């Protein structure tokens, strides 16, 4: 059964940096590969090539676009359960506005 794996990456354009996320679907206990990250970035609309295989850094392929994408491997998996949070919120009494 495939599980959702959230990929955190940052886009570096000159002195500007943006943190973004993407999704990869992997089998249980499977680690993402360089190809998985490349496919995720492609699905997010980035035409990239591998710049550094060991650190999972990609560079834009299109002429005129000069940016790097650094896949952040030290992310912390979400420990929140959105279904449980929504259920808990449904029990909270809403305060009427005065």
PDB file of N, CA and C in Angstrom:
ATOM      1  N   UNK A   1       0.841  -1.178   0.000  1.00  0.00           N
ATOM      2  CA  UNK A   1       0.000   0.000   0.000  1.00  0.00           C
ATOM      3  C   UNK A   1       0.889   1.246   0.000  1.00  0.00           C
ATOM      4  N   UNK A   2       0.621   2.164  -0.881  1.00  0.00           N
ATOM      5  CA  UNK A   2       1.438   3.360  -0.984  1.00  0.00           C
ATOM      6  C   UNK A   2       1.045   4.377   0.080  1.00  0.00           C
ATOM      7  N   UNK A   3       2.064   5.073   0.590  1.00  0.00           N
ATOM      8  CA  UNK A   3       1.856   6.106   1.592  1.00  0.00           C
ATOM      9  C   UNK A   3       2.365   7.429   1.063  1.00  0.00           C
ATOM     10  N   UNK A   4       1.763   8.478   1.564  1.00  0.00           N
ATOM     11  CA  UNK A   4       2.128   9.832   1.177  1.00  0.00           C
ATOM     12  C   UNK A   4       3.413  10.249   1.883  1.00  0.00           C
ATOM     13  N   UNK A   5       4.332  10.836   1.155  1.00  0.00           N
ATOM     14  CA  UNK A   5       5.600  11.316   1.711  1.00  0.00           C
ATOM     15  C   UNK A   5       5.728  12.783   1.310  1.00  0.00           C
ATOM     16  N   UNK A   6       5.757  13.671   2.279  1.00  0.00           N
ATOM     17  CA  UNK A   6       5.875  15.098   2.000  1.00  0.00           C
ATOM     18  C   UNK A   6       7.331  15.460   1.783  1.00  0.00           C
ATOM     19  N   UNK A   7       7.591  16.148   0.673  1.00  0.00           N
ATOM     20  CA  UNK A   7       8.939  16.578   0.326  1.00  0.00           C
ATOM     21  C   UNK A   7       9.038  18.078   0.591  1.00  0.00           C
ATOM     22  N   UNK A   8      10.019  18.472   1.361  1.00  0.00           N
ATOM     23  CA  UNK A   8      10.265  19.882   1.635  1.00  0.00           C
ATOM     24  C   UNK A   8      11.468  20.312   0.815  1.00  0.00           C
ATOM     25  N   UNK A   9      11.328  21.430   0.124  1.00  0.00           N
ATOM     26  CA  UNK A   9      12.456  21.922  -0.655  1.00  0.00           C
ATOM     27  C   UNK A   9      12.455  23.438  -0.647  1.00  0.00           C
ATOM     28  N   UNK A  10      13.627  23.997  -0.949  1.00  0.00           N
ATOM     29  CA  UNK A  10      13.711  25.450  -1.041  1.00  0.00           C
ATOM     30  C   UNK A  10      14.233  25.831  -2.408  1.00  0.00           C
ATOM     31  N   UNK A  11      13.645  26.896  -2.934  1.00  0.00           N
ATOM     32  CA  UNK A  11      14.045  27.438  -4.227  1.00  0.00           C
ATOM     33  C   UNK A  11      14.908  28.655  -3.960  1.00  0.00           C
ATOM     34  N   UNK A  12      16.079  28.680  -4.563  1.00  0.00           N
ATOM     35  CA  UNK A  12      17.037  29.768  -4.335  1.00  0.00           C
ATOM     36  C   UNK A  12      17.228  30.514  -5.657  1.00  0.00           C
ATOM     37  N   UNK A  13      16.762  31.771  -5.684  1.00  0.00           N
ATOM     38  CA  UNK A  13      16.945  32.659  -6.848  1.00  0.00           C
ATOM     39  C   UNK A  13      17.718  33.869  -6.382  1.00  0.00           C
ATOM     40  N   UNK A  14      18.997  33.910  -6.690  1.00  0.00           N
ATOM     41  CA  UNK A  14      19.825  35.034  -6.243  1.00  0.00           C
ATOM     42  C   UNK A  14      19.853  35.088  -4.726  1.00  0.00           C
ATOM     43  N   UNK A  15      19.342  36.178  -4.152  1.00  0.00           N
ATOM     44  CA  UNK A  15      19.310  36.315  -2.696  1.00  0.00           C
ATOM     45  C   UNK A  15      17.938  35.960  -2.126  1.00  0.00           C
ATOM     46  N   UNK A  16      16.993  35.568  -2.982  1.00  0.00           N
ATOM     47  CA  UNK A  16      15.636  35.231  -2.542  1.00  0.00           C
ATOM     48  C   UNK A  16      15.497  33.722  -2.345  1.00  0.00           C
ATOM     49  N   UNK A  17      14.869  33.322  -1.236  1.00  0.00           N
ATOM     50  CA  UNK A  17      14.660  31.907  -0.947  1.00  0.00           C
ATOM     51  C   UNK A  17      13.205  31.667  -0.572  1.00  0.00           C
ATOM     52  N   UNK A  18      12.606  30.620  -1.128  1.00  0.00           N
ATOM     53  CA  UNK A  18      11.234  30.233  -0.801  1.00  0.00           C
ATOM     54  C   UNK A  18      11.226  28.772  -0.380  1.00  0.00           C
ATOM     55  N   UNK A  19      10.470  28.479   0.668  1.00  0.00           N
ATOM     56  CA  UNK A  19      10.310  27.102   1.122  1.00  0.00           C
ATOM     57  C   UNK A  19       8.976  26.582   0.599  1.00  0.00           C
ATOM     58  N   UNK A  20       9.013  25.439  -0.069  1.00  0.00           N
ATOM     59  CA  UNK A  20       7.811  24.839  -0.642  1.00  0.00           C
ATOM     60  C   UNK A  20       7.762  23.352  -0.313  1.00  0.00           C
ATOM     61  N   UNK A  21       6.626  22.746  -0.601  1.00  0.00           N
ATOM     62  CA  UNK A  21       6.469  21.308  -0.365  1.00  0.00           C
ATOM     63  C   UNK A  21       5.884  20.627  -1.597  1.00  0.00           C
ATOM     64  N   UNK A  22       6.098  19.337  -1.680  1.00  0.00           N
ATOM     65  CA  UNK A  22       5.528  18.502  -2.725  1.00  0.00           C
ATOM     66  C   UNK A  22       5.199  17.141  -2.133  1.00  0.00           C
ATOM     67  N   UNK A  23       4.560  16.288  -2.912  1.00  0.00           N
ATOM     68  CA  UNK A  23       4.176  14.961  -2.429  1.00  0.00           C
ATOM     69  C   UNK A  23       4.759  13.868  -3.318  1.00  0.00           C
ATOM     70  N   UNK A  24       5.177  12.816  -2.668  1.00  0.00           N
ATOM     71  CA  UNK A  24       5.620  11.599  -3.345  1.00  0.00           C
ATOM     72  C   UNK A  24       4.852  10.448  -2.706  1.00  0.00           C
ATOM     73  N   UNK A  25       4.402   9.521  -3.520  1.00  0.00           N
ATOM     74  CA  UNK A  25       3.728   8.339  -2.995  1.00  0.00           C
ATOM     75  C   UNK A  25       4.690   7.162  -3.084  1.00  0.00           C
ATOM     76  N   UNK A  26       5.005   6.571  -1.917  1.00  0.00           N
ATOM     77  CA  UNK A  26       5.968   5.482  -1.825  1.00  0.00           C
ATOM     78  C   UNK A  26       5.346   4.292  -1.110  1.00  0.00           C
ATOM     79  N   UNK A  27       5.896   3.130  -1.388  1.00  0.00           N
ATOM     80  CA  UNK A  27       5.503   1.941  -0.639  1.00  0.00           C
ATOM     81  C   UNK A  27       5.982   2.098   0.806  1.00  0.00           C
ATOM     82  N   UNK A  28       5.337   1.408   1.720  1.00  0.00           N
ATOM     83  CA  UNK A  28       5.734   1.486   3.127  1.00  0.00           C
ATOM     84  C   UNK A  28       7.199   1.094   3.287  1.00  0.00           C
ATOM     85  N   UNK A  29       7.903   1.804   4.176  1.00  0.00           N
ATOM     86  CA  UNK A  29       9.311   1.564   4.493  1.00  0.00           C
ATOM     87  C   UNK A  29      10.247   1.780   3.301  1.00  0.00           C
ATOM     88  N   UNK A  30       9.795   2.479   2.280  1.00  0.00           N
ATOM     89  CA  UNK A  30      10.638   2.783   1.123  1.00  0.00           C
ATOM     90  C   UNK A  30      11.137   4.215   1.242  1.00  0.00           C
ATOM     91  N   UNK A  31      12.402   4.427   0.925  1.00  0.00           N
ATOM     92  CA  UNK A  31      12.999   5.764   0.968  1.00  0.00           C
ATOM     93  C   UNK A  31      12.942   6.393  -0.424  1.00  0.00           C
ATOM     94  N   UNK A  32      12.707   7.711  -0.506  1.00  0.00           N
ATOM     95  CA  UNK A  32      12.666   8.355  -1.823  1.00  0.00           C
ATOM     96  C   UNK A  32      14.034   8.372  -2.488  1.00  0.00           C
ATOM     97  N   UNK A  33      14.033   8.250  -3.802  1.00  0.00           N
ATOM     98  CA  UNK A  33      15.267   8.262  -4.579  1.00  0.00           C
ATOM     99  C   UNK A  33      15.413   9.609  -5.284  1.00  0.00           C
ATOM    100  N   UNK A  34      16.552   9.809  -5.906  1.00  0.00           N
ATOM    101  CA  UNK A  34      16.810  11.020  -6.674  1.00  0.00           C
ATOM    102  C   UNK A  34      15.763  11.161  -7.787  1.00  0.00           C
ATOM    103  N   UNK A  35      15.402  10.058  -8.419  1.00  0.00           N
ATOM    104  CA  UNK A  35      14.403  10.080  -9.481  1.00  0.00           C
ATOM    105  C   UNK A  35      13.025  10.461  -8.938  1.00  0.00           C
ATOM    106  N   UNK A  36      12.700  10.009  -7.719  1.00  0.00           N
ATOM    107  CA  UNK A  36      11.424  10.387  -7.091  1.00  0.00           C
ATOM    108  C   UNK A  36      11.365  11.896  -6.882  1.00  0.00           C
ATOM    109  N   UNK A  37      12.462  12.478  -6.378  1.00  0.00           N
ATOM    110  CA  UNK A  37      12.500  13.922  -6.158  1.00  0.00           C
ATOM    111  C   UNK A  37      12.390  14.668  -7.486  1.00  0.00           C
ATOM    112  N   UNK A  38      13.109  14.204  -8.513  1.00  0.00           N
ATOM    113  CA  UNK A  38      13.073  14.860  -9.823  1.00  0.00           C
ATOM    114  C   UNK A  38      11.661  14.824 -10.401  1.00  0.00           C
ATOM    115  N   UNK A  39      10.985  13.694 -10.273  1.00  0.00           N
ATOM    116  CA  UNK A  39       9.618  13.567 -10.786  1.00  0.00           C
ATOM    117  C   UNK A  39       8.658  14.474 -10.017  1.00  0.00           C
ATOM    118  N   UNK A  40       8.836  14.572  -8.719  1.00  0.00           N
ATOM    119  CA  UNK A  40       8.011  15.453  -7.889  1.00  0.00           C
ATOM    120  C   UNK A  40       8.164  16.904  -8.336  1.00  0.00           C
ATOM    121  N   UNK A  41       9.405  17.328  -8.558  1.00  0.00           N
ATOM    122  CA  UNK A  41       9.659  18.701  -8.992  1.00  0.00           C
ATOM    123  C   UNK A  41       9.082  18.943 -10.382  1.00  0.00           C
ATOM    124  N   UNK A  42       9.171  17.943 -11.245  1.00  0.00           N
ATOM    125  CA  UNK A  42       8.600  18.064 -12.587  1.00  0.00           C
ATOM    126  C   UNK A  42       7.089  18.237 -12.506  1.00  0.00           C
ATOM    127  N   UNK A  43       6.438  17.469 -11.640  1.00  0.00           N
ATOM    128  CA  UNK A  43       4.993  17.578 -11.465  1.00  0.00           C
ATOM    129  C   UNK A  43       4.585  18.917 -10.852  1.00  0.00           C
ATOM    130  N   UNK A  44       5.509  19.535 -10.129  1.00  0.00           N
ATOM    131  CA  UNK A  44       5.252  20.868  -9.550  1.00  0.00           C
ATOM    132  C   UNK A  44       5.516  21.974 -10.572  1.00  0.00           C
ATOM    133  N   UNK A  45       5.944  21.616 -11.788  1.00  0.00           N
ATOM    134  CA  UNK A  45       6.131  22.596 -12.842  1.00  0.00           C
ATOM    135  C   UNK A  45       7.554  23.081 -13.035  1.00  0.00           C
ATOM    136  N   UNK A  46       8.522  22.391 -12.458  1.00  0.00           N
ATOM    137  CA  UNK A  46       9.924  22.798 -12.582  1.00  0.00           C
ATOM    138  C   UNK A  46      10.643  21.895 -13.580  1.00  0.00           C
ATOM    139  N   UNK A  47      11.223  22.503 -14.606  1.00  0.00           N
ATOM    140  CA  UNK A  47      12.050  21.772 -15.566  1.00  0.00           C
ATOM    141  C   UNK A  47      13.486  21.864 -15.053  1.00  0.00           C
ATOM    142  N   UNK A  48      13.964  20.799 -14.405  1.00  0.00           N
ATOM    143  CA  UNK A  48      15.256  20.856 -13.723  1.00  0.00           C
ATOM    144  C   UNK A  48      16.149  19.687 -14.121  1.00  0.00           C
ATOM    145  N   UNK A  49      17.431  19.863 -13.830  1.00  0.00           N
ATOM    146  CA  UNK A  49      18.409  18.787 -13.994  1.00  0.00           C
ATOM    147  C   UNK A  49      19.183  18.666 -12.684  1.00  0.00           C
ATOM    148  N   UNK A  50      19.798  17.530 -12.464  1.00  0.00           N
ATOM    149  CA  UNK A  50      20.531  17.281 -11.221  1.00  0.00           C
ATOM    150  C   UNK A  50      21.829  18.073 -11.225  1.00  0.00           C
ATOM    151  N   UNK A  51      22.043  18.832 -10.176  1.00  0.00           N
ATOM    152  CA  UNK A  51      23.280  19.596 -10.011  1.00  0.00           C
ATOM    153  C   UNK A  51      24.232  18.854  -9.074  1.00  0.00           C
ATOM    154  N   UNK A  52      23.692  18.285  -7.987  1.00  0.00           N
ATOM    155  CA  UNK A  52      24.509  17.575  -7.006  1.00  0.00           C
ATOM    156  C   UNK A  52      23.711  16.360  -6.519  1.00  0.00           C
ATOM    157  N   UNK A  53      24.134  15.167  -6.920  1.00  0.00           N
ATOM    158  CA  UNK A  53      23.395  13.939  -6.583  1.00  0.00           C
ATOM    159  C   UNK A  53      23.424  13.619  -5.104  1.00  0.00           C
ATOM    160  N   UNK A  54      24.529  13.910  -4.430  1.00  0.00           N
ATOM    161  CA  UNK A  54      24.669  13.549  -3.020  1.00  0.00           C
ATOM    162  C   UNK A  54      23.808  14.420  -2.108  1.00  0.00           C
ATOM    163  N   UNK A  55      23.648  15.700  -2.463  1.00  0.00           N
ATOM    164  CA  UNK A  55      22.886  16.616  -1.622  1.00  0.00           C
ATOM    165  C   UNK A  55      21.510  16.926  -2.187  1.00  0.00           C
ATOM    166  N   UNK A  56      21.106  16.239  -3.262  1.00  0.00           N
ATOM    167  CA  UNK A  56      19.801  16.423  -3.908  1.00  0.00           C
ATOM    168  C   UNK A  56      19.547  17.885  -4.276  1.00  0.00           C
ATOM    169  N   UNK A  57      20.461  18.463  -5.036  1.00  0.00           N
ATOM    170  CA  UNK A  57      20.316  19.843  -5.494  1.00  0.00           C
ATOM    171  C   UNK A  57      20.076  19.812  -7.000  1.00  0.00           C
ATOM    172  N   UNK A  58      19.067  20.571  -7.432  1.00  0.00           N
ATOM    173  CA  UNK A  58      18.681  20.630  -8.839  1.00  0.00           C
ATOM    174  C   UNK A  58      18.853  22.059  -9.350  1.00  0.00           C
ATOM    175  N   UNK A  59      19.080  22.208 -10.668  1.00  0.00           N
ATOM    176  CA  UNK A  59      19.213  23.519 -11.306  1.00  0.00           C
ATOM    177  C   UNK A  59      18.189  23.597 -12.441  1.00  0.00           C
ATOM    178  N   UNK A  60      17.662  24.800 -12.662  1.00  0.00           N
ATOM    179  CA  UNK A  60      16.687  25.024 -13.734  1.00  0.00           C
ATOM    180  C   UNK A  60      17.306  24.708 -15.088  1.00  0.00           C
ATOM    181  N   UNK A  61      16.525  24.090 -15.951  1.00  0.00           N
ATOM    182  CA  UNK A  61      16.973  23.718 -17.291  1.00  0.00           C
ATOM    183  C   UNK A  61      16.701  24.795 -18.331  1.00  0.00           C
ATOM    184  N   UNK A  62      15.652  25.586 -18.142  1.00  0.00           N
ATOM    185  CA  UNK A  62      15.235  26.558 -19.143  1.00  0.00           C
ATOM    186  C   UNK A  62      16.237  27.701 -19.254  1.00  0.00           C
ATOM    187  N   UNK A  63      16.550  28.100 -20.490  1.00  0.00           N
ATOM    188  CA  UNK A  63      17.435  29.251 -20.661  1.00  0.00           C
ATOM    189  C   UNK A  63      16.758  30.518 -20.114  1.00  0.00           C
ATOM    190  N   UNK A  64      17.530  31.354 -19.455  1.00  0.00           N
ATOM    191  CA  UNK A  64      16.981  32.578 -18.880  1.00  0.00           C
ATOM    192  C   UNK A  64      16.481  32.408 -17.458  1.00  0.00           C
ATOM    193  N   UNK A  65      16.298  31.180 -17.017  1.00  0.00           N
ATOM    194  CA  UNK A  65      15.877  30.926 -15.635  1.00  0.00           C
ATOM    195  C   UNK A  65      17.083  30.378 -14.888  1.00  0.00           C
ATOM    196  N   UNK A  66      17.502  31.093 -13.866  1.00  0.00           N
ATOM    197  CA  UNK A  66      18.668  30.660 -13.092  1.00  0.00           C
ATOM    198  C   UNK A  66      18.276  30.537 -11.630  1.00  0.00           C
ATOM    199  N   UNK A  67      17.919  29.336 -11.222  1.00  0.00           N
ATOM    200  CA  UNK A  67      17.614  29.090  -9.821  1.00  0.00           C
ATOM    201  C   UNK A  67      17.999  27.662  -9.452  1.00  0.00           C
ATOM    202  N   UNK A  68      18.210  27.466  -8.165  1.00  0.00           N
ATOM    203  CA  UNK A  68      18.527  26.143  -7.620  1.00  0.00           C
ATOM    204  C   UNK A  68      17.365  25.669  -6.775  1.00  0.00           C
ATOM    205  N   UNK A  69      17.190  24.366  -6.704  1.00  0.00           N
ATOM    206  CA  UNK A  69      16.219  23.764  -5.789  1.00  0.00           C
ATOM    207  C   UNK A  69      16.974  22.781  -4.923  1.00  0.00           C
ATOM    208  N   UNK A  70      16.902  23.002  -3.622  1.00  0.00           N
ATOM    209  CA  UNK A  70      17.579  22.152  -2.639  1.00  0.00           C
ATOM    210  C   UNK A  70      16.516  21.340  -1.919  1.00  0.00           C
ATOM    211  N   UNK A  71      16.538  20.023  -2.093  1.00  0.00           N
ATOM    212  CA  UNK A  71      15.594  19.150  -1.395  1.00  0.00           C
ATOM    213  C   UNK A  71      16.090  19.007   0.039  1.00  0.00           C
ATOM    214  N   UNK A  72      15.222  19.361   0.991  1.00  0.00           N
ATOM    215  CA  UNK A  72      15.597  19.329   2.403  1.00  0.00           C
ATOM    216  C   UNK A  72      15.302  17.949   2.966  1.00  0.00           C
ATOM    217  N   UNK A  73      16.352  17.250   3.332  1.00  0.00           N
ATOM    218  CA  UNK A  73      16.197  15.873   3.808  1.00  0.00           C
ATOM    219  C   UNK A  73      15.960  15.798   5.310  1.00  0.00           C
ATOM    220  N   UNK A  74      16.237  16.872   6.031  1.00  0.00           N
ATOM    221  CA  UNK A  74      16.116  16.820   7.487  1.00  0.00           C
ATOM    222  C   UNK A  74      14.755  17.327   7.953  1.00  0.00           C
ATOM    223  N   UNK A  75      13.723  17.076   7.160  1.00  0.00           N
ATOM    224  CA  UNK A  75      12.380  17.495   7.550  1.00  0.00           C
ATOM    225  C   UNK A  75      11.899  16.642   8.714  1.00  0.00           C
ATOM    226  N   UNK A  76      10.922  17.157   9.421  1.00  0.00           N
ATOM    227  CA  UNK A  76      10.314  16.383  10.499  1.00  0.00           C
ATOM    228  C   UNK A  76       8.919  15.969  10.044  1.00  0.00           C
ATOM    229  N   UNK A  77       8.643  14.680  10.033  1.00  0.00           N
ATOM    230  CA  UNK A  77       7.324  14.239   9.608  1.00  0.00           C
ATOM    231  C   UNK A  77       6.242  14.825  10.506  1.00  0.00           C
ATOM    232  N   UNK A  78       5.125  15.113   9.905  1.00  0.00           N
ATOM    233  CA  UNK A  78       4.011  15.688  10.651  1.00  0.00           C
ATOM    234  C   UNK A  78       3.484  14.676  11.664  1.00  0.00           C
ATOM    235  N   UNK A  79       3.345  15.123  12.889  1.00  0.00           N
ATOM    236  CA  UNK A  79       2.797  14.246  13.921  1.00  0.00           C
ATOM    237  C   UNK A  79       1.345  14.601  14.216  1.00  0.00           C
ATOM    238  N   UNK A  80       0.835  15.615  13.509  1.00  0.00           N
ATOM    239  CA  UNK A  80      -0.553  16.022  13.706  1.00  0.00           C
ATOM    240  C   UNK A  80      -1.468  15.101  12.915  1.00  0.00           C
ATOM    241  N   UNK A  81      -2.621  14.826  13.498  1.00  0.00           N
ATOM    242  CA  UNK A  81      -3.638  14.050  12.818  1.00  0.00           C
ATOM    243  C   UNK A  81      -4.770  15.006  12.467  1.00  0.00           C
ATOM    244  N   UNK A  82      -4.899  15.412  11.202  1.00  0.00           N
ATOM    245  CA  UNK A  82      -5.900  16.409  10.838  1.00  0.00           C
ATOM    246  C   UNK A  82      -7.331  15.960  11.121  1.00  0.00           C
ATOM    247  N   UNK A  83      -7.605  14.683  10.990  1.00  0.00           N
ATOM    248  CA  UNK A  83      -8.957  14.203  11.277  1.00  0.00           C
ATOM    249  C   UNK A  83      -9.282  14.340  12.755  1.00  0.00           C
ATOM    250  N   UNK A  84      -8.328  14.000  13.611  1.00  0.00           N
ATOM    251  CA  UNK A  84      -8.541  14.136  15.051  1.00  0.00           C
ATOM    252  C   UNK A  84      -8.680  15.603  15.446  1.00  0.00           C
ATOM    253  N   UNK A  85      -7.899  16.477  14.817  1.00  0.00           N
ATOM    254  CA  UNK A  85      -7.997  17.909  15.116  1.00  0.00           C
ATOM    255  C   UNK A  85      -9.362  18.462  14.728  1.00  0.00           C
ATOM    256  N   UNK A  86      -9.853  18.071  13.556  1.00  0.00           N
ATOM    257  CA  UNK A  86     -11.173  18.538  13.125  1.00  0.00           C
ATOM    258  C   UNK A  86     -12.271  18.024  14.045  1.00  0.00           C
ATOM    259  N   UNK A  87     -12.132  16.793  14.485  1.00  0.00           N
ATOM    260  CA  UNK A  87     -13.108  16.236  15.412  1.00  0.00           C
ATOM    261  C   UNK A  87     -13.082  17.006  16.730  1.00  0.00           C
ATOM    262  N   UNK A  88     -11.897  17.293  17.245  1.00  0.00           N
ATOM    263  CA  UNK A  88     -11.773  18.043  18.495  1.00  0.00           C
ATOM    264  C   UNK A  88     -12.348  19.445  18.355  1.00  0.00           C
ATOM    265  N   UNK A  89     -12.118  20.091  17.224  1.00  0.00           N
ATOM    266  CA  UNK A  89     -12.656  21.443  17.003  1.00  0.00           C
ATOM    267  C   UNK A  89     -14.177  21.450  16.975  1.00  0.00           C
ATOM    268  N   UNK A  90     -14.766  20.349  16.532  1.00  0.00           N
ATOM    269  CA  UNK A  90     -16.229  20.295  16.460  1.00  0.00           C
ATOM    270  C   UNK A  90     -16.867  20.281  17.848  1.00  0.00           C
ATOM    271  N   UNK A  91     -16.098  19.918  18.891  1.00  0.00           N
ATOM    272  CA  UNK A  91     -16.620  19.905  20.251  1.00  0.00           C
ATOM    273  C   UNK A  91     -16.444  21.239  20.974  1.00  0.00           C
ATOM    274  N   UNK A  92     -15.664  22.141  20.408  1.00  0.00           N
ATOM    275  CA  UNK A  92     -15.421  23.435  21.043  1.00  0.00           C
ATOM    276  C   UNK A  92     -16.608  24.347  20.790  1.00  0.00           C
ATOM    277  N   UNK A  93     -17.145  24.917  21.878  1.00  0.00           N
ATOM    278  CA  UNK A  93     -18.286  25.810  21.768  1.00  0.00           C
ATOM    279  C   UNK A  93     -17.817  27.132  21.171  1.00  0.00           C
ATOM    280  N   UNK A  94     -18.506  27.552  20.129  1.00  0.00           N
ATOM    281  CA  UNK A  94     -18.165  28.810  19.500  1.00  0.00           C
ATOM    282  C   UNK A  94     -18.695  29.964  20.342  1.00  0.00           C
ATOM    283  N   UNK A  95     -17.844  30.942  20.627  1.00  0.00           N
ATOM    284  CA  UNK A  95     -18.227  32.106  21.411  1.00  0.00           C
ATOM    285  C   UNK A  95     -18.950  33.093  20.498  1.00  0.00           C
ATOM    286  N   UNK A  96     -20.161  33.474  20.885  1.00  0.00           N
ATOM    287  CA  UNK A  96     -20.870  34.448  20.045  1.00  0.00           C
ATOM    288  C   UNK A  96     -20.200  35.819  20.140  1.00  0.00           C
ATOM    289  N   UNK A  97     -20.220  36.541  19.019  1.00  0.00           N
ATOM    290  CA  UNK A  97     -19.654  37.884  19.013  1.00  0.00           C
ATOM    291  C   UNK A  97     -20.643  38.848  19.642  1.00  0.00           C
ATOM    292  N   UNK A  98     -20.143  39.769  20.444  1.00  0.00           N
ATOM    293  CA  UNK A  98     -21.008  40.754  21.106  1.00  0.00           C
ATOM    294  C   UNK A  98     -21.126  42.018  20.309  1.00  0.00           C
TER     295      UNK A  98
END
